[in-house]
Amino acid sequence: MKYKKWTLKEKLEILSASEEIGTVETCRKYSVSTGTFYSWKKKFEHKGEAGLKVTYDTKSKELKEAEEENRVLRKLLSDREIELEVQRELLKKSLGRQIQEKFSKCHLQEA
């Protein structure tokens, strides 16, 4: 069975219809499982309309955006770390040559 996303308005309509024609008939009419219906009813009784609002769409979208931004930032950071490592190696080689040249000059002058 295909998953359907119910809007707040649809959920409220289904809950109000259940008071008129009964839970079982309402669930059949709207093709809603009784488990889903009772879950909505419980949320509505405890939190009112706020309990029925669809929040997973915005959270999942925000989460995906944050994860993508995190991925991009990690990539930039790893690229920068590679650049720094290459610069360190080049600096070691460059300084190593300079030290060797100075040592050779000093050593040759003493001889």
PDB file of N, CA and C in Angstrom:
ATOM      1  N   MET A   1       0.832  -1.173   0.000  1.00  0.00           N
ATOM      2  CA  MET A   1       0.000   0.000   0.000  1.00  0.00           C
ATOM      3  C   MET A   1       0.884   1.247   0.000  1.00  0.00           C
ATOM      4  N   LYS A   2       0.492   2.243  -0.765  1.00  0.00           N
ATOM      5  CA  LYS A   2       1.270   3.469  -0.859  1.00  0.00           C
ATOM      6  C   LYS A   2       1.044   4.332   0.375  1.00  0.00           C
ATOM      7  N   TYR A   3       2.099   4.956   0.825  1.00  0.00           N
ATOM      8  CA  TYR A   3       2.051   5.819   1.999  1.00  0.00           C
ATOM      9  C   TYR A   3       1.456   7.161   1.608  1.00  0.00           C
ATOM     10  N   LYS A   4       0.495   7.670   2.396  1.00  0.00           N
ATOM     11  CA  LYS A   4      -0.119   8.958   2.121  1.00  0.00           C
ATOM     12  C   LYS A   4       0.216   9.918   3.244  1.00  0.00           C
ATOM     13  N   LYS A   5       0.531  11.130   2.859  1.00  0.00           N
ATOM     14  CA  LYS A   5       0.771  12.174   3.849  1.00  0.00           C
ATOM     15  C   LYS A   5      -0.529  12.945   4.040  1.00  0.00           C
ATOM     16  N   TRP A   6      -0.995  12.982   5.248  1.00  0.00           N
ATOM     17  CA  TRP A   6      -2.248  13.638   5.551  1.00  0.00           C
ATOM     18  C   TRP A   6      -1.972  15.049   6.047  1.00  0.00           C
ATOM     19  N   THR A   7      -2.750  16.005   5.567  1.00  0.00           N
ATOM     20  CA  THR A   7      -2.619  17.383   6.031  1.00  0.00           C
ATOM     21  C   THR A   7      -3.368  17.534   7.356  1.00  0.00           C
ATOM     22  N   LEU A   8      -3.125  18.640   8.013  1.00  0.00           N
ATOM     23  CA  LEU A   8      -3.802  18.918   9.276  1.00  0.00           C
ATOM     24  C   LEU A   8      -5.315  18.983   9.052  1.00  0.00           C
ATOM     25  N   LYS A   9      -5.716  19.637   7.986  1.00  0.00           N
ATOM     26  CA  LYS A   9      -7.139  19.783   7.679  1.00  0.00           C
ATOM     27  C   LYS A   9      -7.800  18.413   7.476  1.00  0.00           C
ATOM     28  N   GLU A  10      -7.131  17.533   6.753  1.00  0.00           N
ATOM     29  CA  GLU A  10      -7.672  16.189   6.510  1.00  0.00           C
ATOM     30  C   GLU A  10      -7.785  15.400   7.810  1.00  0.00           C
ATOM     31  N   LYS A  11      -6.779  15.511   8.655  1.00  0.00           N
ATOM     32  CA  LYS A  11      -6.809  14.794   9.934  1.00  0.00           C
ATOM     33  C   LYS A  11      -7.968  15.275  10.803  1.00  0.00           C
ATOM     34  N   LEU A  12      -8.164  16.594  10.853  1.00  0.00           N
ATOM     35  CA  LEU A  12      -9.261  17.142  11.649  1.00  0.00           C
ATOM     36  C   LEU A  12     -10.614  16.708  11.092  1.00  0.00           C
ATOM     37  N   GLU A  13     -10.708  16.675   9.762  1.00  0.00           N
ATOM     38  CA  GLU A  13     -11.948  16.233   9.117  1.00  0.00           C
ATOM     39  C   GLU A  13     -12.246  14.773   9.471  1.00  0.00           C
ATOM     40  N   ILE A  14     -11.242  13.945   9.444  1.00  0.00           N
ATOM     41  CA  ILE A  14     -11.415  12.522   9.759  1.00  0.00           C
ATOM     42  C   ILE A  14     -11.819  12.344  11.222  1.00  0.00           C
ATOM     43  N   LEU A  15     -11.170  13.083  12.117  1.00  0.00           N
ATOM     44  CA  LEU A  15     -11.514  12.974  13.540  1.00  0.00           C
ATOM     45  C   LEU A  15     -12.948  13.428  13.801  1.00  0.00           C
ATOM     46  N   SER A  16     -13.368  14.491  13.154  1.00  0.00           N
ATOM     47  CA  SER A  16     -14.743  14.959  13.369  1.00  0.00           C
ATOM     48  C   SER A  16     -15.754  14.004  12.731  1.00  0.00           C
ATOM     49  N   ALA A  17     -15.407  13.419  11.603  1.00  0.00           N
ATOM     50  CA  ALA A  17     -16.309  12.464  10.953  1.00  0.00           C
ATOM     51  C   ALA A  17     -16.498  11.227  11.824  1.00  0.00           C
ATOM     52  N   SER A  18     -15.475  10.859  12.573  1.00  0.00           N
ATOM     53  CA  SER A  18     -15.574   9.658  13.417  1.00  0.00           C
ATOM     54  C   SER A  18     -16.618   9.837  14.517  1.00  0.00           C
ATOM     55  N   GLU A  19     -16.814  11.070  14.951  1.00  0.00           N
ATOM     56  CA  GLU A  19     -17.815  11.330  15.978  1.00  0.00           C
ATOM     57  C   GLU A  19     -19.233  11.144  15.424  1.00  0.00           C
ATOM     58  N   GLU A  20     -19.382  11.394  14.127  1.00  0.00           N
ATOM     59  CA  GLU A  20     -20.707  11.299  13.502  1.00  0.00           C
ATOM     60  C   GLU A  20     -21.033   9.869  13.054  1.00  0.00           C
ATOM     61  N   ILE A  21     -20.083   9.230  12.361  1.00  0.00           N
ATOM     62  CA  ILE A  21     -20.400   7.922  11.779  1.00  0.00           C
ATOM     63  C   ILE A  21     -19.657   6.764  12.433  1.00  0.00           C
ATOM     64  N   GLY A  22     -18.808   7.059  13.380  1.00  0.00           N
ATOM     65  CA  GLY A  22     -18.097   5.991  14.092  1.00  0.00           C
ATOM     66  C   GLY A  22     -16.688   5.790  13.547  1.00  0.00           C
ATOM     67  N   THR A  23     -15.861   5.222  14.366  1.00  0.00           N
ATOM     68  CA  THR A  23     -14.444   5.053  14.044  1.00  0.00           C
ATOM     69  C   THR A  23     -14.227   4.094  12.876  1.00  0.00           C
ATOM     70  N   VAL A  24     -14.840   2.945  12.934  1.00  0.00           N
ATOM     71  CA  VAL A  24     -14.611   1.916  11.917  1.00  0.00           C
ATOM     72  C   VAL A  24     -15.063   2.402  10.540  1.00  0.00           C
ATOM     73  N   GLU A  25     -16.257   2.983  10.470  1.00  0.00           N
ATOM     74  CA  GLU A  25     -16.774   3.475   9.185  1.00  0.00           C
ATOM     75  C   GLU A  25     -15.914   4.618   8.647  1.00  0.00           C
ATOM     76  N   THR A  26     -15.458   5.494   9.520  1.00  0.00           N
ATOM     77  CA  THR A  26     -14.611   6.611   9.098  1.00  0.00           C
ATOM     78  C   THR A  26     -13.293   6.094   8.539  1.00  0.00           C
ATOM     79  N   CYS A  27     -12.714   5.137   9.222  1.00  0.00           N
ATOM     80  CA  CYS A  27     -11.437   4.575   8.759  1.00  0.00           C
ATOM     81  C   CYS A  27     -11.608   3.907   7.398  1.00  0.00           C
ATOM     82  N   ARG A  28     -12.711   3.218   7.192  1.00  0.00           N
ATOM     83  CA  ARG A  28     -12.966   2.597   5.880  1.00  0.00           C
ATOM     84  C   ARG A  28     -13.165   3.659   4.810  1.00  0.00           C
ATOM     85  N   LYS A  29     -13.964   4.675   5.132  1.00  0.00           N
ATOM     86  CA  LYS A  29     -14.292   5.734   4.168  1.00  0.00           C
ATOM     87  C   LYS A  29     -13.042   6.459   3.688  1.00  0.00           C
ATOM     88  N   TYR A  30     -12.140   6.762   4.612  1.00  0.00           N
ATOM     89  CA  TYR A  30     -10.944   7.539   4.271  1.00  0.00           C
ATOM     90  C   TYR A  30      -9.707   6.660   4.039  1.00  0.00           C
ATOM     91  N   SER A  31      -9.853   5.365   4.143  1.00  0.00           N
ATOM     92  CA  SER A  31      -8.739   4.411   3.980  1.00  0.00           C
ATOM     93  C   SER A  31      -7.591   4.703   4.935  1.00  0.00           C
ATOM     94  N   VAL A  32      -7.946   4.846   6.197  1.00  0.00           N
ATOM     95  CA  VAL A  32      -6.974   5.094   7.262  1.00  0.00           C
ATOM     96  C   VAL A  32      -6.995   3.891   8.189  1.00  0.00           C
ATOM     97  N   SER A  33      -5.830   3.424   8.592  1.00  0.00           N
ATOM     98  CA  SER A  33      -5.801   2.302   9.534  1.00  0.00           C
ATOM     99  C   SER A  33      -6.293   2.783  10.893  1.00  0.00           C
ATOM    100  N   THR A  34      -6.853   1.863  11.648  1.00  0.00           N
ATOM    101  CA  THR A  34      -7.363   2.232  12.968  1.00  0.00           C
ATOM    102  C   THR A  34      -6.218   2.652  13.892  1.00  0.00           C
ATOM    103  N   GLY A  35      -5.063   2.038  13.704  1.00  0.00           N
ATOM    104  CA  GLY A  35      -3.900   2.427  14.511  1.00  0.00           C
ATOM    105  C   GLY A  35      -3.512   3.874  14.271  1.00  0.00           C
ATOM    106  N   THR A  36      -3.493   4.271  13.013  1.00  0.00           N
ATOM    107  CA  THR A  36      -3.184   5.662  12.669  1.00  0.00           C
ATOM    108  C   THR A  36      -4.245   6.594  13.232  1.00  0.00           C
ATOM    109  N   PHE A  37      -5.509   6.204  13.082  1.00  0.00           N
ATOM    110  CA  PHE A  37      -6.614   7.016  13.587  1.00  0.00           C
ATOM    111  C   PHE A  37      -6.478   7.248  15.087  1.00  0.00           C
ATOM    112  N   TYR A  38      -6.254   6.181  15.839  1.00  0.00           N
ATOM    113  CA  TYR A  38      -6.154   6.315  17.292  1.00  0.00           C
ATOM    114  C   TYR A  38      -4.913   7.106  17.713  1.00  0.00           C
ATOM    115  N   SER A  39      -3.878   6.995  16.930  1.00  0.00           N
ATOM    116  CA  SER A  39      -2.676   7.793  17.196  1.00  0.00           C
ATOM    117  C   SER A  39      -2.999   9.282  17.040  1.00  0.00           C
ATOM    118  N   TRP A  40      -3.692   9.628  15.957  1.00  0.00           N
ATOM    119  CA  TRP A  40      -4.093  11.019  15.749  1.00  0.00           C
ATOM    120  C   TRP A  40      -5.011  11.491  16.865  1.00  0.00           C
ATOM    121  N   LYS A  41      -5.951  10.628  17.248  1.00  0.00           N
ATOM    122  CA  LYS A  41      -6.916  10.992  18.287  1.00  0.00           C
ATOM    123  C   LYS A  41      -6.201  11.281  19.608  1.00  0.00           C
ATOM    124  N   LYS A  42      -5.252  10.436  19.949  1.00  0.00           N
ATOM    125  CA  LYS A  42      -4.501  10.611  21.195  1.00  0.00           C
ATOM    126  C   LYS A  42      -3.704  11.918  21.159  1.00  0.00           C
ATOM    127  N   LYS A  43      -3.029  12.170  20.027  1.00  0.00           N
ATOM    128  CA  LYS A  43      -2.255  13.413  19.892  1.00  0.00           C
ATOM    129  C   LYS A  43      -3.166  14.629  19.985  1.00  0.00           C
ATOM    130  N   PHE A  44      -4.327  14.545  19.361  1.00  0.00           N
ATOM    131  CA  PHE A  44      -5.270  15.660  19.376  1.00  0.00           C
ATOM    132  C   PHE A  44      -5.789  15.912  20.788  1.00  0.00           C
ATOM    133  N   GLU A  45      -6.060  14.852  21.515  1.00  0.00           N
ATOM    134  CA  GLU A  45      -6.560  15.001  22.874  1.00  0.00           C
ATOM    135  C   GLU A  45      -5.510  15.606  23.802  1.00  0.00           C
ATOM    136  N   HIS A  46      -4.244  15.267  23.592  1.00  0.00           N
ATOM    137  CA  HIS A  46      -3.180  15.769  24.479  1.00  0.00           C
ATOM    138  C   HIS A  46      -2.665  17.154  24.086  1.00  0.00           C
ATOM    139  N   LYS A  47      -2.501  17.402  22.802  1.00  0.00           N
ATOM    140  CA  LYS A  47      -1.874  18.652  22.370  1.00  0.00           C
ATOM    141  C   LYS A  47      -2.750  19.518  21.477  1.00  0.00           C
ATOM    142  N   GLY A  48      -3.923  19.056  21.145  1.00  0.00           N
ATOM    143  CA  GLY A  48      -4.802  19.810  20.257  1.00  0.00           C
ATOM    144  C   GLY A  48      -4.280  19.761  18.823  1.00  0.00           C
ATOM    145  N   GLU A  49      -4.555  20.828  18.064  1.00  0.00           N
ATOM    146  CA  GLU A  49      -4.134  20.854  16.663  1.00  0.00           C
ATOM    147  C   GLU A  49      -2.616  20.781  16.508  1.00  0.00           C
ATOM    148  N   ALA A  50      -1.894  21.312  17.472  1.00  0.00           N
ATOM    149  CA  ALA A  50      -0.425  21.302  17.403  1.00  0.00           C
ATOM    150  C   ALA A  50       0.117  19.876  17.362  1.00  0.00           C
ATOM    151  N   GLY A  51      -0.578  18.953  17.991  1.00  0.00           N
ATOM    152  CA  GLY A  51      -0.144  17.560  17.992  1.00  0.00           C
ATOM    153  C   GLY A  51      -0.309  16.885  16.654  1.00  0.00           C
ATOM    154  N   LEU A  52      -1.199  17.426  15.828  1.00  0.00           N
ATOM    155  CA  LEU A  52      -1.462  16.824  14.519  1.00  0.00           C
ATOM    156  C   LEU A  52      -0.681  17.468  13.384  1.00  0.00           C
ATOM    157  N   LYS A  53      -0.029  18.584  13.664  1.00  0.00           N
ATOM    158  CA  LYS A  53       0.688  19.284  12.598  1.00  0.00           C
ATOM    159  C   LYS A  53       1.808  18.436  12.031  1.00  0.00           C
ATOM    160  N   VAL A  54       2.014  18.595  10.744  1.00  0.00           N
ATOM    161  CA  VAL A  54       3.061  17.852  10.044  1.00  0.00           C
ATOM    162  C   VAL A  54       4.371  18.596  10.263  1.00  0.00           C
ATOM    163  N   THR A  55       5.284  17.978  11.001  1.00  0.00           N
ATOM    164  CA  THR A  55       6.570  18.626  11.277  1.00  0.00           C
ATOM    165  C   THR A  55       7.729  17.900  10.635  1.00  0.00           C
ATOM    166  N   TYR A  56       7.536  16.656  10.211  1.00  0.00           N
ATOM    167  CA  TYR A  56       8.644  15.870   9.694  1.00  0.00           C
ATOM    168  C   TYR A  56       9.146  16.381   8.355  1.00  0.00           C
ATOM    169  N   ASP A  57       8.287  17.018   7.551  1.00  0.00           N
ATOM    170  CA  ASP A  57       8.740  17.526   6.257  1.00  0.00           C
ATOM    171  C   ASP A  57       9.782  18.619   6.427  1.00  0.00           C
ATOM    172  N   THR A  58       9.476  19.608   7.277  1.00  0.00           N
ATOM    173  CA  THR A  58      10.407  20.711   7.446  1.00  0.00           C
ATOM    174  C   THR A  58      11.674  20.247   8.150  1.00  0.00           C
ATOM    175  N   LYS A  59      11.551  19.363   9.120  1.00  0.00           N
ATOM    176  CA  LYS A  59      12.732  18.890   9.821  1.00  0.00           C
ATOM    177  C   LYS A  59      13.631  18.091   8.894  1.00  0.00           C
ATOM    178  N   SER A  60      13.034  17.236   8.112  1.00  0.00           N
ATOM    179  CA  SER A  60      13.871  16.418   7.236  1.00  0.00           C
ATOM    180  C   SER A  60      14.541  17.283   6.175  1.00  0.00           C
ATOM    181  N   LYS A  61      13.850  18.309   5.702  1.00  0.00           N
ATOM    182  CA  LYS A  61      14.446  19.204   4.712  1.00  0.00           C
ATOM    183  C   LYS A  61      15.602  19.982   5.344  1.00  0.00           C
ATOM    184  N   GLU A  62      15.366  20.519   6.540  1.00  0.00           N
ATOM    185  CA  GLU A  62      16.420  21.251   7.241  1.00  0.00           C
ATOM    186  C   GLU A  62      17.590  20.334   7.574  1.00  0.00           C
ATOM    187  N   LEU A  63      17.274  19.120   7.968  1.00  0.00           N
ATOM    188  CA  LEU A  63      18.324  18.161   8.294  1.00  0.00           C
ATOM    189  C   LEU A  63      19.163  17.839   7.066  1.00  0.00           C
ATOM    190  N   LYS A  64      18.503  17.621   5.936  1.00  0.00           N
ATOM    191  CA  LYS A  64      19.229  17.334   4.700  1.00  0.00           C
ATOM    192  C   LYS A  64      20.121  18.505   4.304  1.00  0.00           C
ATOM    193  N   GLU A  65      19.596  19.737   4.440  1.00  0.00           N
ATOM    194  CA  GLU A  65      20.402  20.914   4.114  1.00  0.00           C
ATOM    195  C   GLU A  65      21.612  21.011   5.040  1.00  0.00           C
ATOM    196  N   ALA A  66      21.409  20.764   6.321  1.00  0.00           N
ATOM    197  CA  ALA A  66      22.506  20.825   7.286  1.00  0.00           C
ATOM    198  C   ALA A  66      23.542  19.739   7.005  1.00  0.00           C
ATOM    199  N   GLU A  67      23.074  18.550   6.659  1.00  0.00           N
ATOM    200  CA  GLU A  67      24.011  17.466   6.344  1.00  0.00           C
ATOM    201  C   GLU A  67      24.812  17.779   5.086  1.00  0.00           C
ATOM    202  N   GLU A  68      24.174  18.373   4.083  1.00  0.00           N
ATOM    203  CA  GLU A  68      24.882  18.744   2.855  1.00  0.00           C
ATOM    204  C   GLU A  68      25.922  19.833   3.141  1.00  0.00           C
ATOM    205  N   GLU A  69      25.532  20.832   3.945  1.00  0.00           N
ATOM    206  CA  GLU A  69      26.472  21.882   4.314  1.00  0.00           C
ATOM    207  C   GLU A  69      27.642  21.288   5.097  1.00  0.00           C
ATOM    208  N   ASN A  70      27.355  20.361   5.987  1.00  0.00           N
ATOM    209  CA  ASN A  70      28.390  19.693   6.774  1.00  0.00           C
ATOM    210  C   ASN A  70      29.350  18.934   5.864  1.00  0.00           C
ATOM    211  N   ARG A  71      28.794  18.239   4.864  1.00  0.00           N
ATOM    212  CA  ARG A  71      29.623  17.486   3.924  1.00  0.00           C
ATOM    213  C   ARG A  71      30.556  18.415   3.152  1.00  0.00           C
ATOM    214  N   VAL A  72      30.016  19.549   2.688  1.00  0.00           N
ATOM    215  CA  VAL A  72      30.820  20.516   1.930  1.00  0.00           C
ATOM    216  C   VAL A  72      31.927  21.088   2.812  1.00  0.00           C
ATOM    217  N   LEU A  73      31.584  21.441   4.047  1.00  0.00           N
ATOM    218  CA  LEU A  73      32.583  22.007   4.960  1.00  0.00           C
ATOM    219  C   LEU A  73      33.676  20.997   5.304  1.00  0.00           C
ATOM    220  N   ARG A  74      33.300  19.738   5.490  1.00  0.00           N
ATOM    221  CA  ARG A  74      34.305  18.701   5.754  1.00  0.00           C
ATOM    222  C   ARG A  74      35.253  18.538   4.573  1.00  0.00           C
ATOM    223  N   LYS A  75      34.712  18.614   3.366  1.00  0.00           N
ATOM    224  CA  LYS A  75      35.528  18.494   2.151  1.00  0.00           C
ATOM    225  C   LYS A  75      36.510  19.662   2.078  1.00  0.00           C
ATOM    226  N   LEU A  76      36.016  20.888   2.328  1.00  0.00           N
ATOM    227  CA  LEU A  76      36.886  22.061   2.319  1.00  0.00           C
ATOM    228  C   LEU A  76      37.989  21.936   3.369  1.00  0.00           C
ATOM    229  N   LEU A  77      37.629  21.471   4.540  1.00  0.00           N
ATOM    230  CA  LEU A  77      38.603  21.312   5.616  1.00  0.00           C
ATOM    231  C   LEU A  77      39.654  20.276   5.253  1.00  0.00           C
ATOM    232  N   SER A  78      39.234  19.155   4.678  1.00  0.00           N
ATOM    233  CA  SER A  78      40.216  18.127   4.314  1.00  0.00           C
ATOM    234  C   SER A  78      41.128  18.623   3.193  1.00  0.00           C
ATOM    235  N   ASP A  79      40.567  19.376   2.235  1.00  0.00           N
ATOM    236  CA  ASP A  79      41.402  19.951   1.172  1.00  0.00           C
ATOM    237  C   ASP A  79      42.437  20.911   1.757  1.00  0.00           C
ATOM    238  N   ARG A  80      42.013  21.719   2.702  1.00  0.00           N
ATOM    239  CA  ARG A  80      42.930  22.690   3.331  1.00  0.00           C
ATOM    240  C   ARG A  80      44.024  21.958   4.120  1.00  0.00           C
ATOM    241  N   GLU A  81      43.654  20.884   4.805  1.00  0.00           N
ATOM    242  CA  GLU A  81      44.645  20.119   5.561  1.00  0.00           C
ATOM    243  C   GLU A  81      45.674  19.489   4.627  1.00  0.00           C
ATOM    244  N   ILE A  82      45.241  19.028   3.472  1.00  0.00           N
ATOM    245  CA  ILE A  82      46.172  18.465   2.480  1.00  0.00           C
ATOM    246  C   ILE A  82      47.120  19.551   1.979  1.00  0.00           C
ATOM    247  N   GLU A  83      46.582  20.740   1.685  1.00  0.00           N
ATOM    248  CA  GLU A  83      47.424  21.851   1.241  1.00  0.00           C
ATOM    249  C   GLU A  83      48.483  22.194   2.290  1.00  0.00           C
ATOM    250  N   LEU A  84      48.080  22.250   3.546  1.00  0.00           N
ATOM    251  CA  LEU A  84      49.018  22.573   4.623  1.00  0.00           C
ATOM    252  C   LEU A  84      50.100  21.500   4.753  1.00  0.00           C
ATOM    253  N   GLU A  85      49.722  20.258   4.619  1.00  0.00           N
ATOM    254  CA  GLU A  85      50.696  19.172   4.711  1.00  0.00           C
ATOM    255  C   GLU A  85      51.720  19.271   3.585  1.00  0.00           C
ATOM    256  N   VAL A  86      51.255  19.570   2.373  1.00  0.00           N
ATOM    257  CA  VAL A  86      52.164  19.724   1.233  1.00  0.00           C
ATOM    258  C   VAL A  86      53.109  20.902   1.481  1.00  0.00           C
ATOM    259  N   GLN A  87      52.567  22.004   1.998  1.00  0.00           N
ATOM    260  CA  GLN A  87      53.415  23.165   2.295  1.00  0.00           C
ATOM    261  C   GLN A  87      54.462  22.829   3.355  1.00  0.00           C
ATOM    262  N   ARG A  88      54.081  22.078   4.370  1.00  0.00           N
ATOM    263  CA  ARG A  88      55.040  21.678   5.411  1.00  0.00           C
ATOM    264  C   ARG A  88      56.171  20.832   4.826  1.00  0.00           C
ATOM    265  N   GLU A  89      55.803  19.888   3.960  1.00  0.00           N
ATOM    266  CA  GLU A  89      56.813  19.030   3.341  1.00  0.00           C
ATOM    267  C   GLU A  89      57.764  19.847   2.473  1.00  0.00           C
ATOM    268  N   LEU A  90      57.213  20.779   1.706  1.00  0.00           N
ATOM    269  CA  LEU A  90      58.066  21.630   0.860  1.00  0.00           C
ATOM    270  C   LEU A  90      58.982  22.501   1.713  1.00  0.00           C
ATOM    271  N   LEU A  91      58.459  22.999   2.809  1.00  0.00           N
ATOM    272  CA  LEU A  91      59.258  23.820   3.710  1.00  0.00           C
ATOM    273  C   LEU A  91      60.388  23.002   4.331  1.00  0.00           C
ATOM    274  N   LYS A  92      60.096  21.766   4.728  1.00  0.00           N
ATOM    275  CA  LYS A  92      61.138  20.899   5.279  1.00  0.00           C
ATOM    276  C   LYS A  92      62.237  20.656   4.256  1.00  0.00           C
ATOM    277  N   LYS A  93      61.834  20.367   3.017  1.00  0.00           N
ATOM    278  CA  LYS A  93      62.826  20.114   1.965  1.00  0.00           C
ATOM    279  C   LYS A  93      63.652  21.359   1.703  1.00  0.00           C
ATOM    280  N   SER A  94      62.975  22.501   1.623  1.00  0.00           N
ATOM    281  CA  SER A  94      63.665  23.764   1.348  1.00  0.00           C
ATOM    282  C   SER A  94      64.643  24.096   2.475  1.00  0.00           C
ATOM    283  N   LEU A  95      64.186  24.001   3.711  1.00  0.00           N
ATOM    284  CA  LEU A  95      65.054  24.281   4.853  1.00  0.00           C
ATOM    285  C   LEU A  95      66.164  23.246   4.947  1.00  0.00           C
ATOM    286  N   GLY A  96      65.846  22.016   4.633  1.00  0.00           N
ATOM    287  CA  GLY A  96      66.859  20.967   4.670  1.00  0.00           C
ATOM    288  C   GLY A  96      67.989  21.260   3.703  1.00  0.00           C
ATOM    289  N   ARG A  97      67.665  21.715   2.511  1.00  0.00           N
ATOM    290  CA  ARG A  97      68.701  22.063   1.532  1.00  0.00           C
ATOM    291  C   ARG A  97      69.532  23.238   2.019  1.00  0.00           C
ATOM    292  N   GLN A  98      68.872  24.257   2.559  1.00  0.00           N
ATOM    293  CA  GLN A  98      69.600  25.443   3.043  1.00  0.00           C
ATOM    294  C   GLN A  98      70.551  25.062   4.165  1.00  0.00           C
ATOM    295  N   ILE A  99      70.099  24.221   5.071  1.00  0.00           N
ATOM    296  CA  ILE A  99      70.951  23.796   6.182  1.00  0.00           C
ATOM    297  C   ILE A  99      72.134  22.986   5.657  1.00  0.00           C
ATOM    298  N   GLN A 100      71.853  22.086   4.698  1.00  0.00           N
ATOM    299  CA  GLN A 100      72.931  21.288   4.117  1.00  0.00           C
ATOM    300  C   GLN A 100      73.952  22.190   3.411  1.00  0.00           C
ATOM    301  N   GLU A 101      73.458  23.197   2.674  1.00  0.00           N
ATOM    302  CA  GLU A 101      74.379  24.104   1.971  1.00  0.00           C
ATOM    303  C   GLU A 101      75.221  24.883   2.965  1.00  0.00           C
ATOM    304  N   LYS A 102      74.617  25.394   4.039  1.00  0.00           N
ATOM    305  CA  LYS A 102      75.366  26.145   5.044  1.00  0.00           C
ATOM    306  C   LYS A 102      76.388  25.236   5.729  1.00  0.00           C
ATOM    307  N   PHE A 103      75.968  24.019   6.034  1.00  0.00           N
ATOM    308  CA  PHE A 103      76.859  23.077   6.685  1.00  0.00           C
ATOM    309  C   PHE A 103      78.041  22.750   5.782  1.00  0.00           C
ATOM    310  N   SER A 104      77.758  22.554   4.470  1.00  0.00           N
ATOM    311  CA  SER A 104      78.841  22.243   3.537  1.00  0.00           C
ATOM    312  C   SER A 104      79.790  23.422   3.415  1.00  0.00           C
ATOM    313  N   LYS A 105      79.253  24.640   3.345  1.00  0.00           N
ATOM    314  CA  LYS A 105      80.116  25.818   3.218  1.00  0.00           C
ATOM    315  C   LYS A 105      81.011  25.960   4.455  1.00  0.00           C
ATOM    316  N   CYS A 106      80.402  25.799   5.625  1.00  0.00           N
ATOM    317  CA  CYS A 106      81.167  25.899   6.878  1.00  0.00           C
ATOM    318  C   CYS A 106      82.213  24.791   6.935  1.00  0.00           C
ATOM    319  N   HIS A 107      81.830  23.633   6.534  1.00  0.00           N
ATOM    320  CA  HIS A 107      82.712  22.492   6.583  1.00  0.00           C
ATOM    321  C   HIS A 107      83.868  22.645   5.596  1.00  0.00           C
ATOM    322  N   LEU A 108      83.561  23.204   4.400  1.00  0.00           N
ATOM    323  CA  LEU A 108      84.598  23.414   3.398  1.00  0.00           C
ATOM    324  C   LEU A 108      85.560  24.516   3.824  1.00  0.00           C
ATOM    325  N   GLN A 109      85.046  25.559   4.492  1.00  0.00           N
ATOM    326  CA  GLN A 109      85.902  26.657   4.935  1.00  0.00           C
ATOM    327  C   GLN A 109      86.871  26.201   6.012  1.00  0.00           C
ATOM    328  N   GLU A 110      86.446  25.288   6.839  1.00  0.00           N
ATOM    329  CA  GLU A 110      87.320  24.801   7.901  1.00  0.00           C
ATOM    330  C   GLU A 110      88.450  23.967   7.325  1.00  0.00           C
ATOM    331  N   ALA A 111      88.177  23.328   6.222  1.00  0.00           N
ATOM    332  CA  ALA A 111      89.196  22.442   5.655  1.00  0.00           C
ATOM    333  C   ALA A 111      90.209  23.153   4.877  1.00  0.00           C
TER     334      ALA A 111
END
